[in-house]
Each structure stands twice: as C-alpha cells, then as structure tokens.
Amino acid sequence: MSALREPEASLAATPADHDRRCRQLDRLLEVAGANALILGMASHVAWALCGADLRIQVSAELAWGYLVVRPGSRTVVTWAMDGRRFAEEELPADVEVVALRWDEGEPRRTALRLAGEGRILSDRDLPGTEPAATALRAAQYPLSDLELRRARWIAARLDHHCRDVADGLEPGMSEYEVAALLTAACLRDGLAVDEMMVGFDARIERYRHPVARGARLERTAFFHPTVNRWGQHIIATRMVSLGPPGKQLADRFAAVSEIEAWSVRMTRPGSRYAEILEGQQRLYARLGYADAWRDHWQGGQTGFALCEIAHVDRPQERMPEHGLYNWFITLPGAKKEETTLSTAEGGRILTLTGAWPTRAVATELGAVEVADILVR
C-alpha cells in the first residue's frame, strides 16, 4: 500500500508499540547509568510516548509540562486545565498524570521531585540534571516500523500539497496567499506547521530564508514547508517557474541539484558528517561557488529534532541506519532541501512520492532522482 493511501487509523500506536518503547526507555537509563530522565521538548516527549502531542501552542518546541521516566514508569506533569485531555486523548493508560493547579508552582519543580535522587538526564537545562542528547540519539534510531510508516505518510501528503498549491499559482498572487493555502492544506491532515517560507522572484535571490512578506508573484516562486506530527519533522523545498527559467536560475539549480544528489547518496549508515561536509565543499568549489557553503548550514539530522547541525556539532559521529536527514543546499535564487532516509543503499528522499517532477542527476556514487523546477 502506498503511503498516500494508508489509512490514518492504521498509524495509531498499539500496546505492543508502547511496550517496546518502555523497554527502550528502561534500556536508555540502564546504559546511561541514570536513575531518571526528564523530557520537556515536545518532539522528545512524543517519541517517548509513541506520538503523543503534549503541546498547546501548535508550533511550540516545548511540551506543556514534563515527562518523567523512571525504570518501569512514565509520569506526565502538567497543568490542571490540560491533564484530563492529555489523559483521555493522548496518553496510554499506564502513564500517570500529575495535574497541578496554576497556584501550585512550576511543573519543573514537581518533575525534579518525582525524578528523585541520583543521576538524572534531561533535554532541558534543569538544575541538577545532565544533558540527555547523546542518550536520546542512541535510543531513537533506527526508526521503528511505525515511525517509518508515519514519516512516509506525512511526506506523501506534504509532496501532494506542494503540487496542488503550485498548480494554482497565478501572476499577481501574494506570498501571504500562497503561505495560507499551503498551511491550510497541511492543517487538514493534522500536520502542525513549524516553518512556512514563501518567497517570489527577487526575494529568493536576496534572502536564504524568504518568509512571506506580501510580494506579488511575477515569474519564480519558492516555498519551504516544515511540518510535524507524532513528534516527527518532515521538510520539503520546491521551486516553480511560470515559463522557462532563465539561464542563471537553470545553471544554479543544476549546481545545487548535483550537490544534493551526492549528499543523498552519502546518506547511509557509517558515513561521517565530516566527510559529507568535505564532499559538499569540494563540489561547491568545482562548480564555481567555492565559499557558498558558508552562507547557510548544509543540513543535518532531523526527525525528532527540527534540524541538528551535525557537520559542526558532531563531525566525527557516524550516521545510524534509518535516520532522517535534510541537506540544505543553496545558492542565491536556487535552493534544495528534502527529507532523506538513511539506508544501506544510500539515501531515499521520502518527500518525492510522484506528485512533483524530478530530474535524474548523475554523481560519482550513482544517479539520484531529485526535485526539479516545476515549469508552468
């Protein structure tokens, strides 16, 4: 069954999924030599609870409270106005909910008290805790079968929404209008919008992040939606030309496509982030844009994080199997970024599912189908 046709109901976590996650959490504590884990980032909480969404502000990075994990138990500490809904609509029955009235103090104090004594890991900067980032990365990958199916489901919908909006573009439309159309399409599928960049014509060349500011479409459109559901972030970047693109855009788009294609082929277990950056630098230079890699980070790990700049933060670390990545390859006016899954055969771009035109790009590691400019 294609991801686009998979019923949403089939993506609900089962008791077996929750049992596996509980075992993973217990193993995380054991390997780290920790007594407890406190999670406050929304995506990390969603991972630990098999997709539960404990946010109030739709695009917030923080959960509305904390999850305290101890051997054999998970407790959510939140406010009284949301405890019942979380318990009834988001959480499995074995997760305890501690709901504080607003005058009883910050949930973090209760979370720290419940964590107890000893070594405590946290993804927030809480007093007396140690960073959980390394332990979480080791536990979150490879993605489970359910998480892979969810990622493909989100990616397929995002791909089709981008095409539907692109097919409706007309000269004179505003960036705000296009951003609204794409956001509305995503929300109908329950996809929370993390970022919605929309830029036209000269603004694409001038700015790497052209968030909508109301410019009117003349010829060239760029949009870059980042969405999440079940704690998983999925990103796509698309370009549209009303009429054949000019030579400068065509040349720059060909260049970023070649660098993207090579990066995708390198998205495989065991690749070091440093060697990917070195290869990207080499390609930028060979294509005549030697310093352009410095004008925007070149991507990194996504999935249960919006984007981690692993090139810089962890250059010698090696990629896991079935991790999610987004390589952001840019030149003035030409931009590429798609969600890519690491596999033993090289990366697979999840956000290309047949709705958007592609081009085959040859690399020294083999050919890759990447997103093309949609010409209307």
Protein backbone atom coordinates (compact mmCIF):
# COMPACT_ATOMS: atom_id res chain seq x y z
CA MET A 1 0.00 0.00 0.00
CA SER A 2 1.31 3.46 -0.90
CA ALA A 3 1.90 5.90 1.95
CA LEU A 4 -0.69 8.26 0.46
CA ARG A 5 -3.39 5.58 0.63
CA GLU A 6 -2.57 4.24 4.09
CA PRO A 7 -5.48 4.97 6.44
CA GLU A 8 -4.61 7.35 9.24
CA ALA A 9 -6.19 4.97 11.76
CA SER A 10 -3.58 2.32 10.91
CA LEU A 11 -0.86 4.66 12.22
CA ALA A 12 -2.09 4.64 15.82
CA ALA A 13 0.35 3.19 18.33
CA THR A 14 -0.59 -0.27 19.60
CA PRO A 15 0.01 -1.73 23.08
CA ALA A 16 2.95 -3.62 21.55
CA ASP A 17 4.46 -0.33 20.32
CA HIS A 18 4.15 1.15 23.83
CA ASP A 19 5.70 -1.96 25.39
CA ARG A 20 8.69 -1.73 23.04
CA ARG A 21 9.14 1.95 23.82
CA CYS A 22 9.03 1.31 27.56
CA ARG A 23 11.76 -1.30 27.15
CA GLN A 24 13.81 1.18 25.11
CA LEU A 25 13.46 3.81 27.81
CA ASP A 26 14.49 1.37 30.53
CA ARG A 27 17.48 0.36 28.41
CA LEU A 28 18.39 4.04 27.89
CA LEU A 29 18.51 4.56 31.65
CA GLU A 30 20.49 1.39 32.17
CA VAL A 31 23.12 2.17 29.52
CA ALA A 32 23.48 5.77 30.75
CA GLY A 33 23.66 4.72 34.39
CA ALA A 34 20.83 7.13 35.15
CA ASN A 35 18.04 6.96 37.71
CA ALA A 36 15.59 9.09 35.74
CA LEU A 37 15.02 11.01 32.53
CA ILE A 38 13.08 14.29 32.36
CA LEU A 39 11.83 15.36 28.92
CA GLY A 40 10.35 18.76 28.12
CA MET A 41 10.91 19.12 24.37
CA ALA A 42 7.68 18.30 22.54
CA SER A 43 9.27 16.01 19.95
CA HIS A 44 11.23 14.05 22.56
CA VAL A 45 8.10 13.62 24.66
CA ALA A 46 6.25 12.44 21.55
CA TRP A 47 8.98 9.89 20.83
CA ALA A 48 8.90 8.54 24.38
CA LEU A 49 5.08 8.28 24.26
CA CYS A 50 4.80 6.85 20.72
CA GLY A 51 3.46 10.03 19.17
CA ALA A 52 1.50 11.74 21.95
CA ASP A 53 1.21 15.50 21.37
CA LEU A 54 1.50 17.45 24.62
CA ARG A 55 1.62 20.92 23.09
CA ILE A 56 -0.82 23.78 23.43
CA GLN A 57 0.88 26.25 21.09
CA VAL A 58 0.80 24.37 17.79
CA SER A 59 4.33 25.19 16.63
CA ALA A 60 5.95 25.21 20.07
CA GLU A 61 9.18 23.30 20.63
CA LEU A 62 8.27 22.72 24.28
CA ALA A 63 5.70 20.34 25.66
CA TRP A 64 3.08 21.68 28.06
CA GLY A 65 4.80 20.22 31.08
CA TYR A 66 7.30 17.40 31.54
CA LEU A 67 7.57 13.66 31.15
CA VAL A 68 9.44 11.91 33.97
CA VAL A 69 10.78 8.47 33.06
CA ARG A 70 11.96 6.08 35.76
CA PRO A 71 12.58 2.35 35.46
CA GLY A 72 9.19 0.83 34.68
CA SER A 73 7.20 4.05 34.87
CA ARG A 74 6.31 7.22 32.95
CA THR A 75 4.66 10.26 34.56
CA VAL A 76 3.42 13.42 32.86
CA VAL A 77 3.49 16.58 34.99
CA THR A 78 1.28 19.31 33.56
CA TRP A 79 -1.32 21.92 34.46
CA ALA A 80 -4.80 21.07 35.75
CA MET A 81 -6.52 22.65 32.75
CA ASP A 82 -4.92 20.09 30.42
CA GLY A 83 -4.35 16.97 32.49
CA ARG A 84 -7.74 15.41 31.72
CA ARG A 85 -7.48 15.95 27.96
CA PHE A 86 -3.95 14.57 27.83
CA ALA A 87 -5.02 11.50 29.81
CA GLU A 88 -8.12 10.85 27.71
CA GLU A 89 -6.90 11.78 24.22
CA GLU A 90 -3.11 11.47 24.08
CA LEU A 91 -1.68 9.10 26.68
CA PRO A 92 -1.71 5.33 27.15
CA ALA A 93 -3.46 4.11 30.28
CA ASP A 94 -0.26 3.20 32.13
CA VAL A 95 1.10 6.77 32.09
CA GLU A 96 0.39 8.58 35.35
CA VAL A 97 -0.71 12.23 35.11
CA VAL A 98 0.11 14.76 37.83
CA ALA A 99 -2.02 17.84 37.10
CA LEU A 100 -1.08 20.98 39.03
CA ARG A 101 -3.38 23.89 39.69
CA TRP A 102 -1.89 27.14 38.49
CA ASP A 103 -1.07 28.37 42.00
CA GLU A 104 0.86 25.21 42.95
CA GLY A 105 4.10 26.25 41.26
CA GLU A 106 6.03 25.34 38.12
CA PRO A 107 5.72 21.76 36.81
CA ARG A 108 9.51 21.51 36.61
CA ARG A 109 9.79 21.54 40.40
CA THR A 110 7.40 18.62 40.66
CA ALA A 111 9.19 16.83 37.83
CA LEU A 112 12.53 17.16 39.62
CA ARG A 113 10.98 15.91 42.86
CA LEU A 114 9.48 12.87 41.10
CA ALA A 115 12.80 12.09 39.42
CA GLY A 116 14.31 11.51 42.86
CA GLU A 117 17.97 11.23 43.77
CA GLY A 118 20.94 10.08 41.72
CA ARG A 119 21.94 10.77 38.14
CA ILE A 120 19.15 12.48 36.21
CA LEU A 121 19.22 13.19 32.46
CA SER A 122 17.14 15.91 30.83
CA ASP A 123 16.66 17.57 27.45
CA ARG A 124 16.05 20.86 29.28
CA ASP A 125 18.53 22.86 31.32
CA LEU A 126 17.15 21.88 34.73
CA PRO A 127 19.16 22.24 37.94
CA GLY A 128 20.93 19.07 39.00
CA THR A 129 20.43 17.30 35.67
CA GLU A 130 22.81 16.27 32.88
CA PRO A 131 22.23 16.61 29.10
CA ALA A 132 20.25 13.76 27.57
CA ALA A 133 21.09 14.47 23.91
CA THR A 134 23.61 11.67 23.36
CA ALA A 135 21.49 9.04 25.08
CA LEU A 136 18.37 10.11 23.16
CA ARG A 137 20.08 9.95 19.76
CA ALA A 138 21.34 6.46 20.51
CA ALA A 139 17.86 5.30 21.55
CA GLN A 140 15.81 6.97 18.79
CA TYR A 141 17.47 5.27 15.82
CA PRO A 142 16.90 3.22 13.82
CA LEU A 143 13.32 4.39 13.48
CA SER A 144 10.72 1.77 14.27
CA ASP A 145 8.41 0.34 11.60
CA LEU A 146 5.57 2.54 12.90
CA GLU A 147 7.76 5.65 12.81
CA LEU A 148 8.88 4.89 9.25
CA ARG A 149 5.29 4.45 8.11
CA ARG A 150 4.30 7.70 9.80
CA ALA A 151 7.22 9.57 8.20
CA ARG A 152 6.25 8.28 4.74
CA TRP A 153 2.59 9.19 5.35
CA ILE A 154 3.49 12.77 6.31
CA ALA A 155 5.95 13.08 3.43
CA ALA A 156 3.45 11.87 0.83
CA ARG A 157 0.86 14.39 1.95
CA LEU A 158 3.36 17.21 2.00
CA ASP A 159 4.52 16.34 -1.52
CA HIS A 160 0.95 16.38 -2.86
CA HIS A 161 0.02 19.58 -1.03
CA CYS A 162 3.04 21.32 -2.56
CA ARG A 163 1.96 20.22 -6.04
CA ASP A 164 -1.67 21.24 -5.54
CA VAL A 165 -0.66 24.73 -4.44
CA ALA A 166 1.91 25.04 -7.23
CA ASP A 167 -0.68 24.11 -9.86
CA GLY A 168 -2.85 27.00 -8.68
CA LEU A 169 -0.17 29.71 -8.84
CA GLU A 170 -1.02 32.74 -10.94
CA PRO A 171 0.84 36.02 -11.56
CA GLY A 172 -0.14 38.63 -9.00
CA MET A 173 -0.78 36.20 -6.13
CA SER A 174 0.80 37.34 -2.87
CA GLU A 175 3.27 35.41 -0.74
CA TYR A 176 0.78 35.58 2.12
CA GLU A 177 -1.92 33.95 -0.01
CA VAL A 178 0.32 31.06 -1.03
CA ALA A 179 1.53 30.56 2.54
CA ALA A 180 -2.10 30.46 3.71
CA LEU A 181 -3.11 27.91 1.06
CA LEU A 182 -0.24 25.58 1.87
CA THR A 183 -0.70 25.95 5.63
CA ALA A 184 -4.43 25.21 5.36
CA ALA A 185 -3.77 22.09 3.29
CA CYS A 186 -1.32 20.79 5.89
CA LEU A 187 -3.64 21.53 8.80
CA ARG A 188 -6.42 19.50 7.17
CA ASP A 189 -4.16 16.46 7.59
CA GLY A 190 -3.31 17.33 11.19
CA LEU A 191 0.20 18.47 10.22
CA ALA A 192 1.47 21.21 12.51
CA VAL A 193 3.49 23.82 10.62
CA ASP A 194 6.94 24.53 12.09
CA GLU A 195 8.08 26.80 9.27
CA MET A 196 6.37 28.20 6.19
CA MET A 197 8.74 30.08 3.96
CA VAL A 198 7.31 31.52 0.75
CA GLY A 199 9.28 33.88 -1.48
CA PHE A 200 8.95 35.20 -5.01
CA ASP A 201 11.37 36.44 -7.67
CA ALA A 202 13.98 38.92 -6.37
CA ARG A 203 13.42 37.97 -2.72
CA ILE A 204 14.53 34.39 -3.45
CA GLU A 205 17.85 35.67 -4.76
CA ARG A 206 18.32 38.17 -1.97
CA TYR A 207 17.39 36.04 1.08
CA ARG A 208 18.16 32.47 2.09
CA HIS A 209 15.04 32.48 4.31
CA PRO A 210 12.38 34.49 2.44
CA VAL A 211 9.47 34.20 4.85
CA ALA A 212 6.27 35.60 3.36
CA ARG A 213 6.13 39.40 3.30
CA GLY A 214 3.41 40.01 0.73
CA ALA A 215 5.38 40.32 -2.52
CA ARG A 216 3.38 39.63 -5.69
CA LEU A 217 4.32 36.74 -7.97
CA GLU A 218 5.85 37.63 -11.31
CA ARG A 219 7.70 34.55 -12.51
CA THR A 220 9.53 32.44 -9.91
CA ALA A 221 8.16 31.01 -6.65
CA PHE A 222 9.89 29.22 -3.79
CA PHE A 223 8.19 27.53 -0.86
CA HIS A 224 9.62 25.58 2.03
CA PRO A 225 7.12 23.98 4.43
CA THR A 226 8.34 22.17 7.52
CA VAL A 227 5.64 20.19 9.29
CA ASN A 228 5.40 17.73 12.13
CA ARG A 229 3.09 15.12 13.53
CA TRP A 230 3.68 12.40 16.13
CA GLY A 231 6.84 14.35 17.03
CA GLN A 232 8.42 13.75 13.60
CA HIS A 233 9.54 16.71 11.47
CA ILE A 234 9.32 16.47 7.68
CA ILE A 235 10.70 19.13 5.31
CA ALA A 236 10.34 19.88 1.60
CA THR A 237 11.60 22.74 -0.59
CA ARG A 238 10.09 23.45 -4.01
CA MET A 239 10.61 25.92 -6.85
CA VAL A 240 8.15 26.91 -9.59
CA SER A 241 8.75 28.92 -12.75
CA LEU A 242 5.93 30.46 -14.77
CA GLY A 243 7.52 29.90 -18.15
CA PRO A 244 11.00 28.51 -18.81
CA PRO A 245 13.51 29.51 -16.11
CA GLY A 246 16.24 31.95 -17.07
CA LYS A 247 19.79 30.72 -17.66
CA GLN A 248 21.12 31.93 -14.31
CA LEU A 249 18.42 30.10 -12.35
CA ALA A 250 18.78 26.99 -14.52
CA ASP A 251 22.56 26.89 -14.01
CA ARG A 252 22.39 27.45 -10.27
CA PHE A 253 19.59 24.95 -9.84
CA ALA A 254 21.62 22.35 -11.73
CA ALA A 255 24.55 23.03 -9.39
CA VAL A 256 22.59 22.68 -6.16
CA SER A 257 20.89 19.56 -7.56
CA GLU A 258 24.28 17.92 -8.13
CA ILE A 259 25.44 18.67 -4.59
CA GLU A 260 22.13 17.49 -3.18
CA ALA A 261 22.24 14.25 -5.18
CA TRP A 262 25.75 13.44 -3.93
CA SER A 263 24.69 14.21 -0.34
CA VAL A 264 21.70 11.89 -0.71
CA ARG A 265 23.91 9.05 -1.95
CA MET A 266 26.12 9.58 1.10
CA THR A 267 23.16 9.31 3.47
CA ARG A 268 23.93 5.77 4.58
CA PRO A 269 24.88 4.05 7.85
CA GLY A 270 28.51 4.65 8.77
CA SER A 271 29.01 7.90 6.85
CA ARG A 272 30.74 10.54 8.95
CA TYR A 273 29.25 14.03 8.98
CA ALA A 274 32.72 15.48 8.43
CA GLU A 275 33.24 13.57 5.19
CA ILE A 276 29.87 14.71 3.89
CA LEU A 277 30.76 18.35 4.55
CA GLU A 278 34.17 17.85 2.92
CA GLY A 279 32.50 16.41 -0.16
CA GLN A 280 29.97 19.23 -0.30
CA GLN A 281 32.80 21.80 -0.06
CA ARG A 282 34.64 20.05 -2.89
CA LEU A 283 31.57 20.13 -5.13
CA TYR A 284 30.76 23.77 -4.42
CA ALA A 285 34.34 24.66 -5.43
CA ARG A 286 34.33 22.51 -8.58
CA LEU A 287 31.04 24.08 -9.68
CA GLY A 288 32.42 27.60 -9.26
CA TYR A 289 30.89 28.59 -5.89
CA ALA A 290 33.79 27.87 -3.54
CA ASP A 291 32.61 29.77 -0.45
CA ALA A 292 28.84 29.40 -0.88
CA TRP A 293 28.68 26.53 1.63
CA ARG A 294 29.37 29.06 4.39
CA ASP A 295 26.25 31.13 3.66
CA HIS A 296 23.85 28.56 5.12
CA TRP A 297 24.32 25.40 7.14
CA GLN A 298 24.33 22.41 4.85
CA GLY A 299 21.73 20.38 6.72
CA GLY A 300 21.82 17.67 9.32
CA GLN A 301 19.72 15.23 11.26
CA THR A 302 16.00 15.80 11.54
CA GLY A 303 13.14 13.54 12.59
CA PHE A 304 12.69 14.03 16.34
CA ALA A 305 14.64 17.29 16.10
CA LEU A 306 13.86 20.09 13.68
CA CYS A 307 17.47 20.19 12.46
CA GLU A 308 20.75 19.39 14.22
CA ILE A 309 23.85 20.87 12.60
CA ALA A 310 25.80 17.65 12.92
CA HIS A 311 28.53 18.80 10.48
CA VAL A 312 29.74 21.23 13.13
CA ASP A 313 28.44 19.80 16.39
CA ARG A 314 29.45 16.15 15.89
CA PRO A 315 31.71 15.96 12.82
CA GLN A 316 33.21 12.53 13.57
CA GLU A 317 29.93 10.86 14.50
CA ARG A 318 28.63 8.26 12.06
CA MET A 319 25.12 8.06 10.68
CA PRO A 320 22.75 5.42 12.02
CA GLU A 321 20.51 3.28 9.85
CA HIS A 322 17.01 4.63 9.24
CA GLY A 323 17.72 8.16 10.44
CA LEU A 324 16.12 11.20 8.84
CA TYR A 325 18.21 13.99 7.30
CA ASN A 326 17.70 17.25 5.43
CA TRP A 327 20.53 18.56 3.25
CA PHE A 328 20.04 22.30 2.69
CA ILE A 329 21.98 23.16 -0.45
CA THR A 330 21.64 26.79 -1.59
CA LEU A 331 22.91 29.41 -3.99
CA PRO A 332 21.33 32.84 -4.46
CA GLY A 333 17.96 32.13 -6.06
CA ALA A 334 18.24 28.32 -6.04
CA LYS A 335 17.51 26.14 -3.03
CA LYS A 336 17.15 22.42 -2.29
CA GLU A 337 16.05 20.57 0.84
CA GLU A 338 14.11 17.33 1.13
CA THR A 339 13.68 14.78 3.92
CA THR A 340 16.00 11.84 3.28
CA LEU A 341 16.10 8.43 4.96
CA SER A 342 19.47 6.77 5.54
CA THR A 343 19.68 3.22 4.19
CA ALA A 344 22.48 0.81 3.39
CA GLU A 345 21.98 1.51 -0.34
CA GLY A 346 22.18 5.29 0.11
CA GLY A 347 19.57 7.85 0.97
CA ARG A 348 15.94 7.72 -0.10
CA ILE A 349 14.13 11.02 -0.50
CA LEU A 350 10.83 10.46 1.30
CA THR A 351 9.22 13.72 0.18
CA LEU A 352 9.25 12.76 -3.52
CA THR A 353 6.30 10.42 -3.96
CA GLY A 354 5.22 11.03 -7.55
CA ALA A 355 3.41 14.34 -7.25
CA TRP A 356 6.37 16.61 -8.07
CA PRO A 357 8.53 16.41 -11.23
CA THR A 358 12.04 15.06 -10.74
CA ARG A 359 15.32 15.07 -12.61
CA ALA A 360 17.95 12.32 -12.63
CA VAL A 361 21.34 13.62 -11.51
CA ALA A 362 24.50 11.60 -12.08
CA THR A 363 27.10 11.51 -9.31
CA GLU A 364 30.32 9.58 -8.76
CA LEU A 365 28.31 7.38 -6.40
CA GLY A 366 25.40 6.76 -8.78
CA ALA A 367 22.36 8.61 -10.11
CA VAL A 368 19.67 10.13 -7.88
CA GLU A 369 16.19 11.45 -8.67
CA VAL A 370 15.80 14.88 -7.06
CA ALA A 371 13.07 17.52 -7.20
CA ASP A 372 13.10 19.58 -10.38
CA ILE A 373 11.78 23.09 -11.02
CA LEU A 374 8.08 22.81 -11.85
CA VAL A 375 7.60 24.78 -15.08
CA ARG A 376 4.10 26.06 -15.73
